[in-house]
């Protein structure tokens, strides 16, 4: 007879014996295939509560006074526009009146939106807070409290009986205003000028700044290359051969003299040092570069022969 091994309850389980040849492997023990629904449900509820608490300010902070003070000390965004001064204005430095369409607080109602000072009453729906509380049930015995904008007063916390006849109850209206802007001499394209407190206005907010970006208009006579000025001057063929003395008018109306006593080539550059754009920032004062262009006359056949004869004799 074959003996049989019996495992004691206190001993460790015996290691699994390898399958004998010809025997099929033993199937693994069955696993629990039930879905942990309740565990996932409660995790979802907890996550939902965390998101609700994160995106809504708790009620005890809504009632704190510093929240309202921070709102009152808000600042409107800065407003940026592009201005195109003339190159002469940039060369000299000048003050330009810039026309800007901007929103301003109504001077009749002082931003309240009411036609009369006693025409404003507290919203009964939110008791003047601009927010209403709402409770959301998440499950059995679980709920969260959120605060949304009051649908009656649209978050203003007040109701207007008679709306202002000038601004229509908005508290603001648009105007066209001329604002003086100081153009510094020699400033380059892309320079930003800041005019404090000239952005759009909103009641109970500090007004932001007006940012002006400079882009100079092309000039008919002078062209700016970095901090240098370049212009074109035309002379006759005779002047190119025997010399010339001419005068040109600068951007500041000064008259400059250019002179040559010898032959001048077509396209030659005459440089006057220190007569370019004024120094600004990291740029030093530039130079004035004058490109000379020779005007060639129309010649008849006989004139061409006479000139050819002159040049032939000069080479002998």
Protein backbone atom coordinates (compact mmCIF):
# COMPACT_ATOMS: atom_id res chain seq x y z
CA UNK A 1 0.00 0.00 0.00
CA UNK A 2 1.10 3.53 -0.72
CA UNK A 3 1.39 5.99 2.14
CA UNK A 4 -0.31 9.40 2.11
CA UNK A 5 1.26 12.64 3.35
CA UNK A 6 -0.93 14.73 5.62
CA UNK A 7 -0.09 18.38 6.12
CA UNK A 8 -0.34 19.68 9.65
CA UNK A 9 -2.32 22.85 10.24
CA UNK A 10 0.70 24.57 11.82
CA UNK A 11 3.21 23.66 9.13
CA UNK A 12 3.91 25.65 5.95
CA UNK A 13 2.15 24.55 2.76
CA UNK A 14 4.14 22.13 0.68
CA UNK A 15 5.57 23.36 -2.60
CA UNK A 16 3.61 22.42 -5.68
CA UNK A 17 4.88 19.23 -7.27
CA UNK A 18 5.71 19.38 -10.97
CA UNK A 19 3.24 17.76 -13.30
CA UNK A 20 3.99 14.21 -14.24
CA UNK A 21 4.44 13.34 -17.89
CA UNK A 22 1.07 13.01 -19.59
CA UNK A 23 -0.86 14.95 -16.94
CA UNK A 24 -2.58 18.28 -17.75
CA UNK A 25 -1.59 21.36 -15.71
CA UNK A 26 -3.87 22.36 -12.88
CA UNK A 27 -6.09 25.37 -13.59
CA UNK A 28 -5.38 28.58 -11.55
CA UNK A 29 -7.77 29.42 -8.75
CA UNK A 30 -10.78 31.48 -9.85
CA UNK A 31 -10.51 35.28 -9.40
CA UNK A 32 -13.17 37.64 -8.06
CA UNK A 33 -14.59 39.32 -11.19
CA UNK A 34 -17.07 41.60 -9.42
CA UNK A 35 -16.55 45.37 -10.20
CA UNK A 36 -15.82 47.51 -7.09
CA UNK A 37 -18.71 49.88 -7.87
CA UNK A 38 -19.15 51.38 -4.43
CA UNK A 39 -15.43 52.09 -4.03
CA UNK A 40 -15.31 53.97 -7.32
CA UNK A 41 -18.56 55.78 -6.53
CA UNK A 42 -17.26 57.18 -3.24
CA UNK A 43 -13.95 58.14 -4.86
CA UNK A 44 -15.90 60.03 -7.52
CA UNK A 45 -17.93 61.85 -4.87
CA UNK A 46 -14.80 62.86 -2.97
CA UNK A 47 -13.13 64.11 -6.17
CA UNK A 48 -16.22 66.10 -7.10
CA UNK A 49 -16.26 67.73 -3.69
CA UNK A 50 -12.58 68.68 -3.99
CA UNK A 51 -13.15 70.30 -7.40
CA UNK A 52 -16.17 72.22 -6.13
CA UNK A 53 -14.24 73.52 -3.15
CA UNK A 54 -11.32 74.52 -5.38
CA UNK A 55 -13.32 76.48 -7.95
CA UNK A 56 -15.62 78.26 -5.53
CA UNK A 57 -14.55 80.64 -2.76
CA UNK A 58 -15.71 79.45 0.67
CA UNK A 59 -18.49 81.43 2.27
CA UNK A 60 -16.38 82.66 5.19
CA UNK A 61 -13.96 84.26 2.71
CA UNK A 62 -16.78 85.85 0.74
CA UNK A 63 -17.89 87.71 3.84
CA UNK A 64 -14.37 88.87 4.74
CA UNK A 65 -13.83 92.61 4.17
CA UNK A 66 -10.49 92.31 2.41
CA UNK A 67 -12.05 90.48 -0.53
CA UNK A 68 -14.18 93.49 -1.40
CA UNK A 69 -11.27 95.88 -0.89
CA UNK A 70 -9.14 93.90 -3.31
CA UNK A 71 -11.91 94.15 -5.90
CA UNK A 72 -12.15 97.90 -5.42
CA UNK A 73 -8.39 98.27 -5.81
CA UNK A 74 -8.43 96.49 -9.19
CA UNK A 75 -6.81 98.03 -12.25
CA UNK A 76 -8.06 98.22 -15.81
CA UNK A 77 -5.83 96.73 -18.52
CA UNK A 78 -3.32 98.93 -20.32
CA UNK A 79 -4.35 100.10 -23.78
CA UNK A 80 -1.91 100.13 -26.69
CA UNK A 81 -2.10 102.01 -29.99
CA UNK A 82 0.33 102.76 -32.84
CA UNK A 83 1.25 106.35 -33.73
CA UNK A 84 3.08 107.42 -36.90
CA UNK A 85 4.94 110.69 -36.36
CA UNK A 86 6.86 112.34 -39.17
CA UNK A 87 10.62 111.81 -39.35
CA UNK A 88 11.05 115.54 -38.72
CA UNK A 89 9.13 115.25 -35.43
CA UNK A 90 11.43 112.44 -34.32
CA UNK A 91 14.55 114.33 -35.42
CA UNK A 92 13.60 117.46 -33.48
CA UNK A 93 11.59 115.91 -30.67
CA UNK A 94 8.08 117.28 -30.39
CA UNK A 95 4.71 117.01 -28.71
CA UNK A 96 1.89 115.44 -30.72
CA UNK A 97 -1.80 115.43 -29.88
CA UNK A 98 -2.96 111.83 -30.26
CA UNK A 99 -6.67 111.22 -30.77
CA UNK A 100 -7.83 108.21 -28.78
CA UNK A 101 -11.30 106.70 -28.47
CA UNK A 102 -11.63 105.61 -24.86
CA UNK A 103 -14.22 104.60 -22.28
CA UNK A 104 -14.70 107.05 -19.41
CA UNK A 105 -16.82 107.05 -16.27
CA UNK A 106 -20.07 108.94 -16.81
CA UNK A 107 -19.76 112.46 -15.40
CA UNK A 108 -23.51 112.68 -14.75
CA UNK A 109 -24.02 109.60 -12.58
CA UNK A 110 -20.36 109.17 -11.50
CA UNK A 111 -20.47 105.56 -12.62
CA UNK A 112 -23.53 104.52 -10.59
CA UNK A 113 -25.77 104.18 -13.64
CA UNK A 114 -28.67 105.94 -11.87
CA UNK A 115 -30.18 109.18 -13.06
CA UNK A 116 -30.62 110.30 -9.45
CA UNK A 117 -28.59 109.56 -6.31
CA UNK A 118 -31.64 108.06 -4.56
CA UNK A 119 -32.53 105.84 -7.50
CA UNK A 120 -30.46 102.84 -6.36
CA UNK A 121 -31.79 100.08 -4.12
CA UNK A 122 -30.25 96.92 -2.73
CA UNK A 123 -31.03 93.71 -4.60
CA UNK A 124 -33.45 91.63 -2.54
CA UNK A 125 -32.38 88.36 -4.15
CA UNK A 126 -28.74 88.49 -3.00
CA UNK A 127 -29.05 91.12 -0.26
CA UNK A 128 -26.54 93.32 -2.03
CA UNK A 129 -23.75 90.70 -2.20
CA UNK A 130 -24.05 90.02 -5.94
CA UNK A 131 -23.84 86.29 -5.21
CA UNK A 132 -26.45 83.67 -4.38
CA UNK A 133 -25.75 80.41 -2.62
CA UNK A 134 -26.74 77.10 -4.14
CA UNK A 135 -26.61 73.62 -2.65
CA UNK A 136 -25.83 70.57 -4.75
CA UNK A 137 -26.63 67.06 -3.51
CA UNK A 138 -23.91 64.57 -4.35
CA UNK A 139 -25.33 61.50 -2.79
CA UNK A 140 -26.93 60.10 0.31
CA UNK A 141 -26.11 62.48 3.14
CA UNK A 142 -23.57 64.44 1.05
CA UNK A 143 -23.97 67.93 -0.40
CA UNK A 144 -21.82 70.94 -1.28
CA UNK A 145 -22.55 74.64 -1.28
CA UNK A 146 -21.49 76.93 -4.12
CA UNK A 147 -21.98 80.62 -4.86
CA UNK A 148 -22.98 81.91 -8.28
CA UNK A 149 -23.64 85.34 -9.75
CA UNK A 150 -27.04 86.67 -8.83
CA UNK A 151 -29.29 86.35 -11.92
CA UNK A 152 -31.49 89.27 -10.81
CA UNK A 153 -28.87 92.03 -10.46
CA UNK A 154 -26.20 90.28 -12.58
CA UNK A 155 -23.69 90.41 -9.76
CA UNK A 156 -23.95 94.15 -9.10
CA UNK A 157 -25.79 93.77 -5.80
CA UNK A 158 -28.05 96.70 -6.58
CA UNK A 159 -31.05 97.60 -8.69
CA UNK A 160 -31.44 100.87 -10.57
CA UNK A 161 -34.90 102.45 -10.68
CA UNK A 162 -34.20 105.20 -13.22
CA UNK A 163 -31.25 104.62 -15.51
CA UNK A 164 -28.90 107.49 -16.32
CA UNK A 165 -30.03 109.36 -19.45
CA UNK A 166 -26.40 109.95 -20.55
CA UNK A 167 -24.85 106.49 -20.25
CA UNK A 168 -28.03 104.37 -20.32
CA UNK A 169 -27.31 102.91 -16.90
CA UNK A 170 -23.91 101.48 -17.85
CA UNK A 171 -21.97 103.97 -15.75
CA UNK A 172 -19.52 104.57 -18.63
CA UNK A 173 -19.58 105.95 -22.16
CA UNK A 174 -17.10 106.48 -24.99
CA UNK A 175 -15.46 109.74 -26.02
CA UNK A 176 -12.79 110.90 -28.46
CA UNK A 177 -9.97 112.53 -26.51
CA UNK A 178 -6.82 114.31 -27.59
CA UNK A 179 -3.88 113.26 -25.44
CA UNK A 180 -0.50 115.04 -25.72
CA UNK A 181 2.43 112.70 -26.32
CA UNK A 182 6.06 113.80 -26.00
CA UNK A 183 8.21 112.32 -28.77
CA UNK A 184 11.85 112.08 -27.59
CA UNK A 185 14.47 113.18 -30.17
CA UNK A 186 16.07 110.30 -32.04
CA UNK A 187 13.73 107.55 -30.84
CA UNK A 188 13.57 104.55 -33.14
CA UNK A 189 10.69 102.52 -34.52
CA UNK A 190 9.19 100.26 -31.88
CA UNK A 191 9.85 102.68 -29.01
CA UNK A 192 7.08 102.48 -26.40
CA UNK A 193 5.83 105.61 -24.68
CA UNK A 194 3.76 105.28 -21.51
CA UNK A 195 1.09 107.84 -20.62
CA UNK A 196 -0.16 107.08 -17.09
CA UNK A 197 -3.86 106.57 -16.34
CA UNK A 198 -5.17 107.17 -19.87
CA UNK A 199 -6.54 103.70 -20.60
CA UNK A 200 -10.26 102.82 -20.49
CA UNK A 201 -12.02 103.71 -17.24
CA UNK A 202 -14.25 101.45 -15.14
CA UNK A 203 -16.08 102.55 -11.97
CA UNK A 204 -14.24 101.64 -8.72
CA UNK A 205 -11.15 100.56 -10.68
CA UNK A 206 -7.80 102.26 -11.02
CA UNK A 207 -7.27 103.35 -14.61
CA UNK A 208 -4.48 101.64 -16.52
CA UNK A 209 -1.88 103.27 -18.77
CA UNK A 210 -1.92 104.17 -22.45
CA UNK A 211 1.00 102.61 -24.34
CA UNK A 212 2.04 104.32 -27.59
CA UNK A 213 4.19 102.43 -30.10
CA UNK A 214 6.14 104.62 -32.53
CA UNK A 215 6.32 103.77 -36.23
CA UNK A 216 7.64 106.73 -38.25
CA UNK A 217 6.02 107.68 -41.55
CA UNK A 218 8.27 107.53 -44.63
CA UNK A 219 9.81 110.91 -45.49
CA UNK A 220 9.87 112.31 -49.02
CA UNK A 221 13.54 113.35 -48.92
CA UNK A 222 15.36 111.57 -46.09
CA UNK A 223 15.53 107.90 -45.23
CA UNK A 224 16.59 106.57 -41.84
CA UNK A 225 19.07 103.66 -41.68
CA UNK A 226 19.68 102.80 -38.03
CA UNK A 227 20.78 106.18 -36.64
CA UNK A 228 22.04 107.56 -39.96
CA UNK A 229 20.15 109.65 -42.50
CA UNK A 230 20.43 109.11 -46.22
CA UNK A 231 19.26 111.32 -49.05
CA UNK A 232 19.72 111.61 -52.82
CA UNK A 233 21.11 114.69 -54.61
CA UNK A 234 21.28 115.11 -58.39
CA UNK A 235 23.91 117.04 -60.34
CA UNK A 236 24.50 117.66 -64.02
CA UNK A 237 27.11 115.93 -66.14
CA UNK A 238 29.12 119.14 -66.33
CA UNK A 239 29.13 119.43 -62.54
CA UNK A 240 30.22 115.84 -62.27
CA UNK A 241 33.20 116.62 -64.48
CA UNK A 242 34.34 120.03 -63.22
CA UNK A 243 32.98 120.13 -59.65
CA UNK A 244 30.00 121.75 -57.94
CA UNK A 245 28.83 123.53 -54.81
CA UNK A 246 25.21 122.98 -53.76
CA UNK A 247 23.05 123.60 -50.70
CA UNK A 248 20.50 121.23 -49.16
CA UNK A 249 17.92 121.89 -46.45
CA UNK A 250 18.08 119.61 -43.40
CA UNK A 251 15.13 118.33 -41.34
CA UNK A 252 15.52 121.20 -38.87
CA UNK A 253 15.50 123.76 -41.74
CA UNK A 254 19.25 124.39 -41.50
CA UNK A 255 21.04 124.82 -44.82
CA UNK A 256 24.06 122.56 -45.38
CA UNK A 257 26.66 123.03 -48.11
CA UNK A 258 28.11 120.16 -50.14
CA UNK A 259 31.07 120.91 -52.39
CA UNK A 260 33.45 119.03 -54.69
CA UNK A 261 36.23 120.40 -56.89
CA UNK A 262 37.07 117.22 -58.78
CA UNK A 263 35.24 114.56 -60.73
CA UNK A 264 32.22 113.00 -59.04
CA UNK A 265 31.14 109.45 -59.90
CA UNK A 266 27.53 108.45 -60.37
CA UNK A 267 26.32 106.93 -57.09
CA UNK A 268 29.17 108.39 -55.02
CA UNK A 269 28.40 108.91 -51.29
CA UNK A 270 29.30 112.16 -49.54
CA UNK A 271 29.19 111.84 -45.74
CA UNK A 272 28.65 114.73 -43.34
CA UNK A 273 29.62 113.48 -39.89
CA UNK A 274 27.26 114.19 -37.00
CA UNK A 275 24.30 115.33 -39.09
CA UNK A 276 22.24 112.15 -38.70
CA UNK A 277 19.63 111.31 -36.06
CA UNK A 278 20.23 112.53 -32.48
CA UNK A 279 21.60 110.10 -29.93
CA UNK A 280 18.94 107.99 -28.20
CA UNK A 281 19.45 105.15 -25.77
CA UNK A 282 22.41 103.03 -26.88
CA UNK A 283 22.63 104.74 -30.30
CA UNK A 284 25.14 107.55 -30.84
CA UNK A 285 24.42 110.47 -33.10
CA UNK A 286 24.47 109.35 -36.71
CA UNK A 287 25.81 110.83 -39.97
CA UNK A 288 24.18 112.29 -43.04
CA UNK A 289 24.96 110.32 -46.19
CA UNK A 290 24.28 112.00 -49.53
CA UNK A 291 24.16 109.82 -52.63
CA UNK A 292 25.11 111.75 -55.76
CA UNK A 293 23.27 110.88 -58.96
CA UNK A 294 24.46 112.32 -62.27
CA UNK A 295 21.84 113.52 -64.74
CA UNK A 296 22.98 112.55 -68.22
CA UNK A 297 21.67 114.85 -70.95
CA UNK A 298 20.17 113.83 -74.27
CA UNK A 299 22.75 114.42 -77.04
CA UNK A 300 22.34 114.71 -80.77
CA UNK A 301 24.55 112.75 -83.12
CA UNK A 302 26.74 115.78 -83.78
CA UNK A 303 27.12 116.48 -80.03
CA UNK A 304 28.13 112.90 -79.44
CA UNK A 305 30.79 113.16 -82.17
CA UNK A 306 32.11 116.42 -80.72
CA UNK A 307 32.41 114.90 -77.22
CA UNK A 308 34.07 111.81 -78.61
CA UNK A 309 36.56 114.04 -80.45
CA UNK A 310 37.33 115.91 -77.19
CA UNK A 311 38.01 112.70 -75.29
CA UNK A 312 40.13 111.36 -78.15
CA UNK A 313 42.28 114.48 -78.09
CA UNK A 314 42.62 114.35 -74.29
CA UNK A 315 44.10 110.89 -74.49
CA UNK A 316 46.85 111.92 -76.91
